[in-house]
């Protein structure tokens, strides 16, 4: 066996071992990892003024929207930080379409 071929086989076996160990995680899936798209309703808006817990004194404060959505037979509740523009654009009762990736709000738009 040539030296190059032996190195190639060693690299192949090392790669196969890495793939095998990556699959040995037990198969449990984190429910917060992944992407989902759902229709929701804004049920509450929350505002933390500057200087309150979690908000800096120099900023404009923190804005949050609370949503309620159906996921199968269950009703899910979400609370996400949003921009001031999104906060004023979507009052309580607004029907919206959410795109959530890894439990973070990526997109919010009016439901069609």
C-alpha atoms as a PDB file:
ATOM      1  CA  UNK A   1       0.000   0.000   0.000  1.00  0.00           C
ATOM      2  CA  UNK A   2       1.349   3.397  -0.907  1.00  0.00           C
ATOM      3  CA  UNK A   3       1.753   6.160   1.616  1.00  0.00           C
ATOM      4  CA  UNK A   4      -0.776   8.429  -0.180  1.00  0.00           C
ATOM      5  CA  UNK A   5      -3.367   5.660  -0.188  1.00  0.00           C
ATOM      6  CA  UNK A   6      -2.821   4.971   3.522  1.00  0.00           C
ATOM      7  CA  UNK A   7      -3.272   8.680   4.314  1.00  0.00           C
ATOM      8  CA  UNK A   8      -6.433   8.776   2.197  1.00  0.00           C
ATOM      9  CA  UNK A   9      -7.900   5.788   4.042  1.00  0.00           C
ATOM     10  CA  UNK A  10      -6.989   7.325   7.401  1.00  0.00           C
ATOM     11  CA  UNK A  11      -8.711  10.591   6.465  1.00  0.00           C
ATOM     12  CA  UNK A  12     -11.770   8.722   5.247  1.00  0.00           C
ATOM     13  CA  UNK A  13     -12.032   6.762   8.496  1.00  0.00           C
ATOM     14  CA  UNK A  14     -11.536   9.920  10.570  1.00  0.00           C
ATOM     15  CA  UNK A  15     -14.342  11.648   8.669  1.00  0.00           C
ATOM     16  CA  UNK A  16     -16.646   8.656   9.086  1.00  0.00           C
ATOM     17  CA  UNK A  17     -15.929   8.634  12.821  1.00  0.00           C
ATOM     18  CA  UNK A  18     -16.785  12.330  13.085  1.00  0.00           C
ATOM     19  CA  UNK A  19     -20.079  11.810  11.261  1.00  0.00           C
ATOM     20  CA  UNK A  20     -20.910   8.798  13.435  1.00  0.00           C
ATOM     21  CA  UNK A  21     -20.224  10.673  16.652  1.00  0.00           C
ATOM     22  CA  UNK A  22     -22.380  13.578  15.476  1.00  0.00           C
ATOM     23  CA  UNK A  23     -25.325  11.243  15.036  1.00  0.00           C
ATOM     24  CA  UNK A  24     -24.908   9.708  18.486  1.00  0.00           C
ATOM     25  CA  UNK A  25     -26.665  12.594  20.231  1.00  0.00           C
ATOM     26  CA  UNK A  26     -29.586  10.422  21.265  1.00  0.00           C
ATOM     27  CA  UNK A  27     -32.053  11.835  18.776  1.00  0.00           C
ATOM     28  CA  UNK A  28     -33.639  14.375  21.135  1.00  0.00           C
ATOM     29  CA  UNK A  29     -34.602  17.512  19.278  1.00  0.00           C
ATOM     30  CA  UNK A  30     -34.731  20.936  20.870  1.00  0.00           C
ATOM     31  CA  UNK A  31     -38.273  22.259  20.261  1.00  0.00           C
ATOM     32  CA  UNK A  32     -36.962  25.837  20.035  1.00  0.00           C
ATOM     33  CA  UNK A  33     -34.536  25.119  17.184  1.00  0.00           C
ATOM     34  CA  UNK A  34     -35.786  25.472  13.632  1.00  0.00           C
ATOM     35  CA  UNK A  35     -38.094  27.708  11.666  1.00  0.00           C
ATOM     36  CA  UNK A  36     -41.842  28.045  11.766  1.00  0.00           C
ATOM     37  CA  UNK A  37     -44.354  30.298  10.126  1.00  0.00           C
ATOM     38  CA  UNK A  38     -47.700  30.914  11.773  1.00  0.00           C
ATOM     39  CA  UNK A  39     -50.682  33.218  11.925  1.00  0.00           C
ATOM     40  CA  UNK A  40     -51.195  34.994  15.216  1.00  0.00           C
ATOM     41  CA  UNK A  41     -53.100  37.772  16.949  1.00  0.00           C
ATOM     42  CA  UNK A  42     -51.521  40.586  18.955  1.00  0.00           C
ATOM     43  CA  UNK A  43     -53.012  40.262  22.431  1.00  0.00           C
ATOM     44  CA  UNK A  44     -50.932  42.815  24.318  1.00  0.00           C
ATOM     45  CA  UNK A  45     -48.281  45.480  23.838  1.00  0.00           C
ATOM     46  CA  UNK A  46     -45.694  46.189  26.530  1.00  0.00           C
ATOM     47  CA  UNK A  47     -43.292  49.094  26.888  1.00  0.00           C
ATOM     48  CA  UNK A  48     -40.375  49.368  29.314  1.00  0.00           C
ATOM     49  CA  UNK A  49     -39.346  53.038  29.653  1.00  0.00           C
ATOM     50  CA  UNK A  50     -35.666  54.061  29.703  1.00  0.00           C
ATOM     51  CA  UNK A  51     -34.003  53.239  32.998  1.00  0.00           C
ATOM     52  CA  UNK A  52     -36.360  50.398  33.895  1.00  0.00           C
ATOM     53  CA  UNK A  53     -35.113  46.845  34.323  1.00  0.00           C
ATOM     54  CA  UNK A  54     -33.422  45.749  31.112  1.00  0.00           C
ATOM     55  CA  UNK A  55     -33.564  49.160  29.415  1.00  0.00           C
ATOM     56  CA  UNK A  56     -30.706  51.648  29.309  1.00  0.00           C
ATOM     57  CA  UNK A  57     -31.099  55.232  30.512  1.00  0.00           C
ATOM     58  CA  UNK A  58     -29.875  56.617  27.194  1.00  0.00           C
ATOM     59  CA  UNK A  59     -32.190  54.669  24.891  1.00  0.00           C
ATOM     60  CA  UNK A  60     -35.850  54.955  23.975  1.00  0.00           C
ATOM     61  CA  UNK A  61     -36.906  51.972  26.072  1.00  0.00           C
ATOM     62  CA  UNK A  62     -37.865  48.441  25.095  1.00  0.00           C
ATOM     63  CA  UNK A  63     -40.946  47.508  23.077  1.00  0.00           C
ATOM     64  CA  UNK A  64     -42.621  44.089  23.163  1.00  0.00           C
ATOM     65  CA  UNK A  65     -45.572  42.488  21.413  1.00  0.00           C
ATOM     66  CA  UNK A  66     -47.377  39.495  22.884  1.00  0.00           C
ATOM     67  CA  UNK A  67     -48.972  37.082  20.443  1.00  0.00           C
ATOM     68  CA  UNK A  68     -51.417  34.206  20.627  1.00  0.00           C
ATOM     69  CA  UNK A  69     -51.329  31.551  17.911  1.00  0.00           C
ATOM     70  CA  UNK A  70     -52.769  28.108  17.248  1.00  0.00           C
ATOM     71  CA  UNK A  71     -50.257  25.288  16.874  1.00  0.00           C
ATOM     72  CA  UNK A  72     -52.257  22.185  16.136  1.00  0.00           C
ATOM     73  CA  UNK A  73     -54.797  21.798  18.937  1.00  0.00           C
ATOM     74  CA  UNK A  74     -52.812  23.924  21.387  1.00  0.00           C
ATOM     75  CA  UNK A  75     -52.779  27.684  21.824  1.00  0.00           C
ATOM     76  CA  UNK A  76     -49.277  29.128  22.055  1.00  0.00           C
ATOM     77  CA  UNK A  77     -48.297  32.452  23.599  1.00  0.00           C
ATOM     78  CA  UNK A  78     -45.226  34.379  22.480  1.00  0.00           C
ATOM     79  CA  UNK A  79     -43.514  37.566  23.687  1.00  0.00           C
ATOM     80  CA  UNK A  80     -40.963  39.158  21.366  1.00  0.00           C
ATOM     81  CA  UNK A  81     -38.998  42.408  21.433  1.00  0.00           C
ATOM     82  CA  UNK A  82     -39.921  44.629  18.475  1.00  0.00           C
ATOM     83  CA  UNK A  83     -38.976  48.023  17.086  1.00  0.00           C
ATOM     84  CA  UNK A  84     -40.903  51.159  17.975  1.00  0.00           C
ATOM     85  CA  UNK A  85     -42.303  51.212  14.436  1.00  0.00           C
ATOM     86  CA  UNK A  86     -43.627  47.638  14.746  1.00  0.00           C
ATOM     87  CA  UNK A  87     -45.022  48.462  18.194  1.00  0.00           C
ATOM     88  CA  UNK A  88     -47.113  51.324  16.833  1.00  0.00           C
ATOM     89  CA  UNK A  89     -48.050  49.534  13.585  1.00  0.00           C
ATOM     90  CA  UNK A  90     -49.671  46.502  15.239  1.00  0.00           C
ATOM     91  CA  UNK A  91     -52.203  47.407  17.979  1.00  0.00           C
ATOM     92  CA  UNK A  92     -54.014  44.793  20.078  1.00  0.00           C
ATOM     93  CA  UNK A  93     -56.296  42.614  17.977  1.00  0.00           C
ATOM     94  CA  UNK A  94     -54.138  42.830  14.837  1.00  0.00           C
ATOM     95  CA  UNK A  95     -53.961  39.607  12.846  1.00  0.00           C
ATOM     96  CA  UNK A  96     -50.370  39.026  11.758  1.00  0.00           C
ATOM     97  CA  UNK A  97     -48.157  36.453  10.085  1.00  0.00           C
ATOM     98  CA  UNK A  98     -44.987  35.583  12.039  1.00  0.00           C
ATOM     99  CA  UNK A  99     -41.774  33.930  10.912  1.00  0.00           C
ATOM    100  CA  UNK A 100     -39.902  32.514  13.909  1.00  0.00           C
ATOM    101  CA  UNK A 101     -36.379  31.080  13.559  1.00  0.00           C
ATOM    102  CA  UNK A 102     -34.667  29.453  16.553  1.00  0.00           C
ATOM    103  CA  UNK A 103     -37.261  31.033  18.852  1.00  0.00           C
ATOM    104  CA  UNK A 104     -36.461  34.542  17.562  1.00  0.00           C
ATOM    105  CA  UNK A 105     -38.935  36.699  15.660  1.00  0.00           C
ATOM    106  CA  UNK A 106     -37.523  37.233  12.160  1.00  0.00           C
ATOM    107  CA  UNK A 107     -40.477  38.769  10.383  1.00  0.00           C
ATOM    108  CA  UNK A 108     -43.887  40.173  11.231  1.00  0.00           C
ATOM    109  CA  UNK A 109     -46.394  41.328   8.635  1.00  0.00           C
ATOM    110  CA  UNK A 110     -50.140  41.866   8.443  1.00  0.00           C
ATOM    111  CA  UNK A 111     -52.126  38.698   7.757  1.00  0.00           C
ATOM    112  CA  UNK A 112     -53.652  38.529   4.309  1.00  0.00           C
END
